[in-house]
Amino acid sequence: MAKKGMALEMVVMMIILLVVAAVIIQIFLANLGGESIDLIANKGKCEGSRQEFISRCNSLCDSYKNSRAGDKAVDFCGTYLGQEDRNVQVDWNCDKKANEAVEVGFGSFKLPVCENMVYCFMAVSCQNLGAAGCREALCQSNTELYRGDTGKASEAVAESVQTGEKENFGCRLPDEEVKNWYLRYGFASGRGSGKGEYSRGNICS
């Protein structure tokens, strides 16, 4: 009877140890780098979407480099992450906080941008098609389209390249021209009165 009692105690102890171990493992995984299992999975999906976008930008850049055609430059310069659905919540840095202002880019461009408007020219180096080069390419294409009317061309460029700032929306870019990519690279001449509003003027003149 004594042996049976000891065996039963051993079984109970093993069950308790297994339960405790399971709880400890669950707590550890839930706090792994501050990320839950679901968040780790979501982060992988997020990083996959970002890499897919970068691959697409590289492909558009290759098309431009192979042809040097104006329409290929427009394709590259006007493409941004989440373009298929402008209501999508974009999380470029995969921190589970969508549509923030985050630092994106390379070289001299490394500036804050809104996650819902990360363009190819911010994420991929493509010969002369940086921010300033893209503005020039878009202006040239639209000026030709509107038969020399730089006013209409400027409006078209402003429509195709935006900051992503909106009223009652999370992202806001700096007011200083040197830190605001939209002002710094000539997509606008100054800030407007409301959030996300800019004085564009004739940027293609």
C-alpha atoms as a PDB file:
ATOM      1  CA  MET A   1       0.000   0.000   0.000  1.00  0.00           C
ATOM      2  CA  ALA A   2       2.878   2.302   0.824  1.00  0.00           C
ATOM      3  CA  LYS A   3       4.410   1.733  -2.583  1.00  0.00           C
ATOM      4  CA  LYS A   4       1.071   2.420  -4.292  1.00  0.00           C
ATOM      5  CA  GLY A   5       0.699   5.618  -2.275  1.00  0.00           C
ATOM      6  CA  MET A   6       4.175   6.780  -3.302  1.00  0.00           C
ATOM      7  CA  ALA A   7       3.463   5.959  -6.940  1.00  0.00           C
ATOM      8  CA  LEU A   8       0.251   7.967  -6.813  1.00  0.00           C
ATOM      9  CA  GLU A   9       2.072  10.918  -5.262  1.00  0.00           C
ATOM     10  CA  MET A  10       4.725  10.716  -8.005  1.00  0.00           C
ATOM     11  CA  VAL A  11       2.034  10.799 -10.697  1.00  0.00           C
ATOM     12  CA  VAL A  12       0.349  13.803  -9.065  1.00  0.00           C
ATOM     13  CA  MET A  13       3.696  15.597  -8.740  1.00  0.00           C
ATOM     14  CA  MET A  14       4.488  14.923 -12.413  1.00  0.00           C
ATOM     15  CA  ILE A  15       1.117  16.335 -13.467  1.00  0.00           C
ATOM     16  CA  ILE A  16       1.660  19.447 -11.341  1.00  0.00           C
ATOM     17  CA  LEU A  17       5.162  19.905 -12.781  1.00  0.00           C
ATOM     18  CA  LEU A  18       3.835  19.569 -16.332  1.00  0.00           C
ATOM     19  CA  VAL A  19       1.110  22.141 -15.691  1.00  0.00           C
ATOM     20  CA  VAL A  20       3.607  24.571 -14.144  1.00  0.00           C
ATOM     21  CA  ALA A  21       6.034  24.042 -17.031  1.00  0.00           C
ATOM     22  CA  ALA A  22       3.258  24.692 -19.561  1.00  0.00           C
ATOM     23  CA  VAL A  23       2.304  27.944 -17.789  1.00  0.00           C
ATOM     24  CA  ILE A  24       5.946  29.090 -17.667  1.00  0.00           C
ATOM     25  CA  ILE A  25       6.450  28.334 -21.361  1.00  0.00           C
ATOM     26  CA  GLN A  26       3.251  30.206 -22.230  1.00  0.00           C
ATOM     27  CA  ILE A  27       4.364  33.249 -20.222  1.00  0.00           C
ATOM     28  CA  PHE A  28       7.816  33.149 -21.829  1.00  0.00           C
ATOM     29  CA  LEU A  29       6.429  32.998 -25.365  1.00  0.00           C
ATOM     30  CA  ALA A  30       3.914  35.731 -24.638  1.00  0.00           C
ATOM     31  CA  ASN A  31       6.743  38.027 -23.536  1.00  0.00           C
ATOM     32  CA  LEU A  32       9.333  37.000 -26.082  1.00  0.00           C
ATOM     33  CA  GLY A  33      10.705  40.364 -27.172  1.00  0.00           C
ATOM     34  CA  GLY A  34       7.382  41.870 -26.137  1.00  0.00           C
ATOM     35  CA  GLU A  35       5.676  39.877 -28.886  1.00  0.00           C
ATOM     36  CA  SER A  36       2.981  37.210 -28.734  1.00  0.00           C
ATOM     37  CA  ILE A  37       2.853  34.239 -31.102  1.00  0.00           C
ATOM     38  CA  ASP A  38       0.149  36.022 -33.118  1.00  0.00           C
ATOM     39  CA  LEU A  39       2.270  39.158 -33.365  1.00  0.00           C
ATOM     40  CA  ILE A  40       5.314  37.174 -34.495  1.00  0.00           C
ATOM     41  CA  ALA A  41       3.172  35.639 -37.247  1.00  0.00           C
ATOM     42  CA  ASN A  42       1.780  39.064 -38.177  1.00  0.00           C
ATOM     43  CA  LYS A  43       5.278  40.515 -38.215  1.00  0.00           C
ATOM     44  CA  GLY A  44       6.389  37.824 -40.632  1.00  0.00           C
ATOM     45  CA  LYS A  45       3.459  38.642 -42.898  1.00  0.00           C
ATOM     46  CA  CYS A  46       4.227  42.356 -42.624  1.00  0.00           C
ATOM     47  CA  GLU A  47       7.891  41.868 -43.502  1.00  0.00           C
ATOM     48  CA  GLY A  48       6.859  39.646 -46.404  1.00  0.00           C
ATOM     49  CA  SER A  49       4.568  42.371 -47.779  1.00  0.00           C
ATOM     50  CA  ARG A  50       7.349  44.944 -47.473  1.00  0.00           C
ATOM     51  CA  GLN A  51       9.833  42.686 -49.264  1.00  0.00           C
ATOM     52  CA  GLU A  52       7.275  41.968 -51.978  1.00  0.00           C
ATOM     53  CA  PHE A  53       6.856  45.722 -52.490  1.00  0.00           C
ATOM     54  CA  ILE A  54      10.628  46.263 -52.683  1.00  0.00           C
ATOM     55  CA  SER A  55      10.897  43.440 -55.241  1.00  0.00           C
ATOM     56  CA  ARG A  56       8.166  45.076 -57.291  1.00  0.00           C
ATOM     57  CA  CYS A  57      10.011  48.403 -57.144  1.00  0.00           C
ATOM     58  CA  ASN A  58      13.241  46.735 -58.267  1.00  0.00           C
ATOM     59  CA  SER A  59      11.381  45.186 -61.189  1.00  0.00           C
ATOM     60  CA  LEU A  60       9.937  48.593 -62.186  1.00  0.00           C
ATOM     61  CA  CYS A  61      13.399  50.104 -61.882  1.00  0.00           C
ATOM     62  CA  ASP A  62      14.851  47.412 -64.162  1.00  0.00           C
ATOM     63  CA  SER A  63      12.171  48.173 -66.747  1.00  0.00           C
ATOM     64  CA  TYR A  64      13.135  51.849 -66.624  1.00  0.00           C
ATOM     65  CA  LYS A  65      16.874  51.147 -66.846  1.00  0.00           C
ATOM     66  CA  ASN A  66      16.362  48.857 -69.831  1.00  0.00           C
ATOM     67  CA  SER A  67      14.271  51.356 -71.806  1.00  0.00           C
ATOM     68  CA  ARG A  68      14.867  54.819 -70.245  1.00  0.00           C
ATOM     69  CA  ALA A  69      11.287  55.491 -71.340  1.00  0.00           C
ATOM     70  CA  GLY A  70       9.277  58.223 -69.663  1.00  0.00           C
ATOM     71  CA  ASP A  71       6.288  55.980 -68.995  1.00  0.00           C
ATOM     72  CA  LYS A  72       8.533  53.500 -67.155  1.00  0.00           C
ATOM     73  CA  ALA A  73       9.834  56.324 -64.971  1.00  0.00           C
ATOM     74  CA  VAL A  74       6.233  57.328 -64.186  1.00  0.00           C
ATOM     75  CA  ASP A  75       5.389  53.723 -63.248  1.00  0.00           C
ATOM     76  CA  PHE A  76       8.321  53.558 -60.828  1.00  0.00           C
ATOM     77  CA  CYS A  77       7.822  57.020 -59.338  1.00  0.00           C
ATOM     78  CA  GLY A  78       4.075  56.730 -58.819  1.00  0.00           C
ATOM     79  CA  THR A  79       4.033  53.303 -57.148  1.00  0.00           C
ATOM     80  CA  TYR A  80       3.609  53.084 -53.381  1.00  0.00           C
ATOM     81  CA  LEU A  81       2.956  50.380 -50.794  1.00  0.00           C
ATOM     82  CA  GLY A  82      -0.754  49.671 -50.334  1.00  0.00           C
ATOM     83  CA  GLN A  83      -1.663  51.273 -53.663  1.00  0.00           C
ATOM     84  CA  GLU A  84      -4.210  48.561 -54.444  1.00  0.00           C
ATOM     85  CA  ASP A  85      -6.334  49.666 -51.483  1.00  0.00           C
ATOM     86  CA  ARG A  86      -5.828  53.225 -50.227  1.00  0.00           C
ATOM     87  CA  ASN A  87      -7.794  52.415 -47.074  1.00  0.00           C
ATOM     88  CA  VAL A  88      -5.346  49.683 -46.045  1.00  0.00           C
ATOM     89  CA  GLN A  89      -3.500  50.083 -42.740  1.00  0.00           C
ATOM     90  CA  VAL A  90       0.185  50.084 -43.719  1.00  0.00           C
ATOM     91  CA  ASP A  91       2.821  49.199 -41.127  1.00  0.00           C
ATOM     92  CA  TRP A  92       6.206  49.683 -42.832  1.00  0.00           C
ATOM     93  CA  ASN A  93       8.389  49.000 -39.788  1.00  0.00           C
ATOM     94  CA  CYS A  94       6.156  46.146 -38.546  1.00  0.00           C
ATOM     95  CA  ASP A  95       5.693  47.535 -35.031  1.00  0.00           C
ATOM     96  CA  LYS A  96       1.931  46.892 -35.072  1.00  0.00           C
ATOM     97  CA  LYS A  97       1.247  50.650 -35.301  1.00  0.00           C
ATOM     98  CA  ALA A  98      -0.033  51.527 -38.735  1.00  0.00           C
ATOM     99  CA  ASN A  99       0.233  54.775 -40.697  1.00  0.00           C
ATOM    100  CA  GLU A 100       2.813  56.475 -38.483  1.00  0.00           C
ATOM    101  CA  ALA A 101       5.610  58.784 -39.581  1.00  0.00           C
ATOM    102  CA  VAL A 102       8.707  56.577 -39.835  1.00  0.00           C
ATOM    103  CA  GLU A 103      12.185  57.050 -41.233  1.00  0.00           C
ATOM    104  CA  VAL A 104      12.493  55.416 -44.627  1.00  0.00           C
ATOM    105  CA  GLY A 105      15.100  55.642 -47.343  1.00  0.00           C
ATOM    106  CA  PHE A 106      18.804  55.589 -48.016  1.00  0.00           C
ATOM    107  CA  GLY A 107      21.638  58.022 -48.528  1.00  0.00           C
ATOM    108  CA  SER A 108      20.575  61.660 -48.328  1.00  0.00           C
ATOM    109  CA  PHE A 109      16.867  60.832 -48.497  1.00  0.00           C
ATOM    110  CA  LYS A 110      16.564  59.130 -45.078  1.00  0.00           C
ATOM    111  CA  LEU A 111      13.631  61.240 -43.882  1.00  0.00           C
ATOM    112  CA  PRO A 112      10.309  60.722 -42.072  1.00  0.00           C
ATOM    113  CA  VAL A 113       7.498  59.570 -44.350  1.00  0.00           C
ATOM    114  CA  CYS A 114       3.948  58.393 -43.689  1.00  0.00           C
ATOM    115  CA  GLU A 115       3.765  54.611 -43.751  1.00  0.00           C
ATOM    116  CA  ASN A 116       0.661  54.676 -45.948  1.00  0.00           C
ATOM    117  CA  MET A 117       2.599  56.566 -48.652  1.00  0.00           C
ATOM    118  CA  VAL A 118       5.994  54.874 -49.007  1.00  0.00           C
ATOM    119  CA  TYR A 119       6.913  55.264 -52.683  1.00  0.00           C
ATOM    120  CA  CYS A 120       9.379  53.179 -54.666  1.00  0.00           C
ATOM    121  CA  PHE A 121      11.783  56.108 -54.932  1.00  0.00           C
ATOM    122  CA  MET A 122      11.997  56.154 -51.124  1.00  0.00           C
ATOM    123  CA  ALA A 123      12.683  52.438 -50.761  1.00  0.00           C
ATOM    124  CA  VAL A 124      14.849  51.582 -53.783  1.00  0.00           C
ATOM    125  CA  SER A 125      17.797  53.346 -55.401  1.00  0.00           C
ATOM    126  CA  CYS A 126      17.140  53.623 -59.149  1.00  0.00           C
ATOM    127  CA  GLN A 127      19.709  55.665 -61.067  1.00  0.00           C
ATOM    128  CA  ASN A 128      18.429  59.253 -61.417  1.00  0.00           C
ATOM    129  CA  LEU A 129      14.958  58.467 -60.058  1.00  0.00           C
ATOM    130  CA  GLY A 130      15.304  59.724 -56.514  1.00  0.00           C
ATOM    131  CA  ALA A 131      12.733  62.104 -55.046  1.00  0.00           C
ATOM    132  CA  ALA A 132      13.887  65.121 -57.092  1.00  0.00           C
ATOM    133  CA  GLY A 133      14.403  63.007 -60.223  1.00  0.00           C
ATOM    134  CA  CYS A 134      10.916  61.559 -59.918  1.00  0.00           C
ATOM    135  CA  ARG A 135       9.369  65.013 -59.564  1.00  0.00           C
ATOM    136  CA  GLU A 136      11.151  66.067 -62.754  1.00  0.00           C
ATOM    137  CA  ALA A 137      10.115  62.882 -64.584  1.00  0.00           C
ATOM    138  CA  LEU A 138       6.484  63.237 -63.509  1.00  0.00           C
ATOM    139  CA  CYS A 139       6.462  66.939 -64.428  1.00  0.00           C
ATOM    140  CA  GLN A 140       7.925  66.225 -67.844  1.00  0.00           C
ATOM    141  CA  SER A 141       5.444  63.432 -68.560  1.00  0.00           C
ATOM    142  CA  ASN A 142       2.420  65.463 -67.453  1.00  0.00           C
ATOM    143  CA  THR A 143       3.577  68.650 -69.186  1.00  0.00           C
ATOM    144  CA  GLU A 144       3.725  66.673 -72.426  1.00  0.00           C
ATOM    145  CA  LEU A 145       0.319  65.132 -71.668  1.00  0.00           C
ATOM    146  CA  TYR A 146      -1.240  68.583 -71.090  1.00  0.00           C
ATOM    147  CA  ARG A 147       0.543  70.113 -74.088  1.00  0.00           C
ATOM    148  CA  GLY A 148       2.773  72.481 -72.194  1.00  0.00           C
ATOM    149  CA  ASP A 149       0.261  73.507 -69.519  1.00  0.00           C
ATOM    150  CA  THR A 150       2.521  73.343 -66.457  1.00  0.00           C
ATOM    151  CA  GLY A 151      -0.351  74.356 -64.166  1.00  0.00           C
ATOM    152  CA  LYS A 152      -2.356  71.253 -65.023  1.00  0.00           C
ATOM    153  CA  ALA A 153       0.826  69.190 -64.994  1.00  0.00           C
ATOM    154  CA  SER A 154       1.553  70.412 -61.451  1.00  0.00           C
ATOM    155  CA  GLU A 155      -1.932  69.428 -60.308  1.00  0.00           C
ATOM    156  CA  ALA A 156      -1.489  65.961 -61.802  1.00  0.00           C
ATOM    157  CA  VAL A 157       1.858  65.471 -60.047  1.00  0.00           C
ATOM    158  CA  ALA A 158       0.363  66.603 -56.732  1.00  0.00           C
ATOM    159  CA  GLU A 159      -2.421  64.066 -57.214  1.00  0.00           C
ATOM    160  CA  SER A 160      -0.085  61.178 -58.038  1.00  0.00           C
ATOM    161  CA  VAL A 161       2.447  61.871 -55.251  1.00  0.00           C
ATOM    162  CA  GLN A 162       1.007  62.691 -51.826  1.00  0.00           C
ATOM    163  CA  THR A 163       2.306  62.700 -48.262  1.00  0.00           C
ATOM    164  CA  GLY A 164      -0.402  60.547 -46.686  1.00  0.00           C
ATOM    165  CA  GLU A 165      -1.195  63.204 -44.071  1.00  0.00           C
ATOM    166  CA  LYS A 166      -4.897  63.694 -43.391  1.00  0.00           C
ATOM    167  CA  GLU A 167      -7.130  65.387 -40.870  1.00  0.00           C
ATOM    168  CA  ASN A 168      -7.757  63.151 -37.841  1.00  0.00           C
ATOM    169  CA  PHE A 169      -5.098  60.745 -39.097  1.00  0.00           C
ATOM    170  CA  GLY A 170      -2.031  59.538 -37.253  1.00  0.00           C
ATOM    171  CA  CYS A 171       0.810  60.684 -39.466  1.00  0.00           C
ATOM    172  CA  ARG A 172       2.178  64.218 -39.632  1.00  0.00           C
ATOM    173  CA  LEU A 173       5.423  65.245 -41.295  1.00  0.00           C
ATOM    174  CA  PRO A 174       7.747  67.903 -39.830  1.00  0.00           C
ATOM    175  CA  ASP A 175       7.047  71.532 -40.690  1.00  0.00           C
ATOM    176  CA  GLU A 176      10.702  72.358 -41.372  1.00  0.00           C
ATOM    177  CA  GLU A 177      11.508  72.184 -45.079  1.00  0.00           C
ATOM    178  CA  VAL A 178      14.822  70.408 -44.527  1.00  0.00           C
ATOM    179  CA  LYS A 179      13.050  67.558 -42.674  1.00  0.00           C
ATOM    180  CA  ASN A 180       9.894  67.421 -44.802  1.00  0.00           C
ATOM    181  CA  TRP A 181      10.556  65.405 -47.965  1.00  0.00           C
ATOM    182  CA  TYR A 182       7.537  66.876 -49.768  1.00  0.00           C
ATOM    183  CA  LEU A 183       8.842  70.415 -49.334  1.00  0.00           C
ATOM    184  CA  ARG A 184      12.529  69.588 -49.604  1.00  0.00           C
ATOM    185  CA  TYR A 185      12.203  67.943 -53.002  1.00  0.00           C
ATOM    186  CA  GLY A 186       9.859  70.505 -54.519  1.00  0.00           C
ATOM    187  CA  PHE A 187       6.494  68.744 -54.502  1.00  0.00           C
ATOM    188  CA  ALA A 188       5.086  71.800 -52.713  1.00  0.00           C
ATOM    189  CA  SER A 189       6.182  75.370 -52.015  1.00  0.00           C
ATOM    190  CA  GLY A 190       4.942  75.551 -48.423  1.00  0.00           C
ATOM    191  CA  ARG A 191       2.552  74.316 -45.763  1.00  0.00           C
ATOM    192  CA  GLY A 192      -1.169  75.031 -45.920  1.00  0.00           C
ATOM    193  CA  SER A 193      -3.395  75.902 -42.981  1.00  0.00           C
ATOM    194  CA  GLY A 194      -4.702  72.403 -42.236  1.00  0.00           C
ATOM    195  CA  LYS A 195      -3.031  69.087 -41.556  1.00  0.00           C
ATOM    196  CA  GLY A 196      -1.815  67.557 -44.796  1.00  0.00           C
ATOM    197  CA  GLU A 197      -2.499  70.739 -46.773  1.00  0.00           C
ATOM    198  CA  TYR A 198       0.260  72.289 -48.886  1.00  0.00           C
ATOM    199  CA  SER A 199       0.734  75.335 -51.067  1.00  0.00           C
ATOM    200  CA  ARG A 200       1.818  73.635 -54.260  1.00  0.00           C
ATOM    201  CA  GLY A 201       1.925  76.447 -56.782  1.00  0.00           C
ATOM    202  CA  ASN A 202       3.325  75.665 -60.197  1.00  0.00           C
ATOM    203  CA  ILE A 203       5.888  73.028 -59.256  1.00  0.00           C
ATOM    204  CA  CYS A 204       6.429  72.021 -62.878  1.00  0.00           C
ATOM    205  CA  SER A 205       7.295  75.496 -64.209  1.00  0.00           C
END
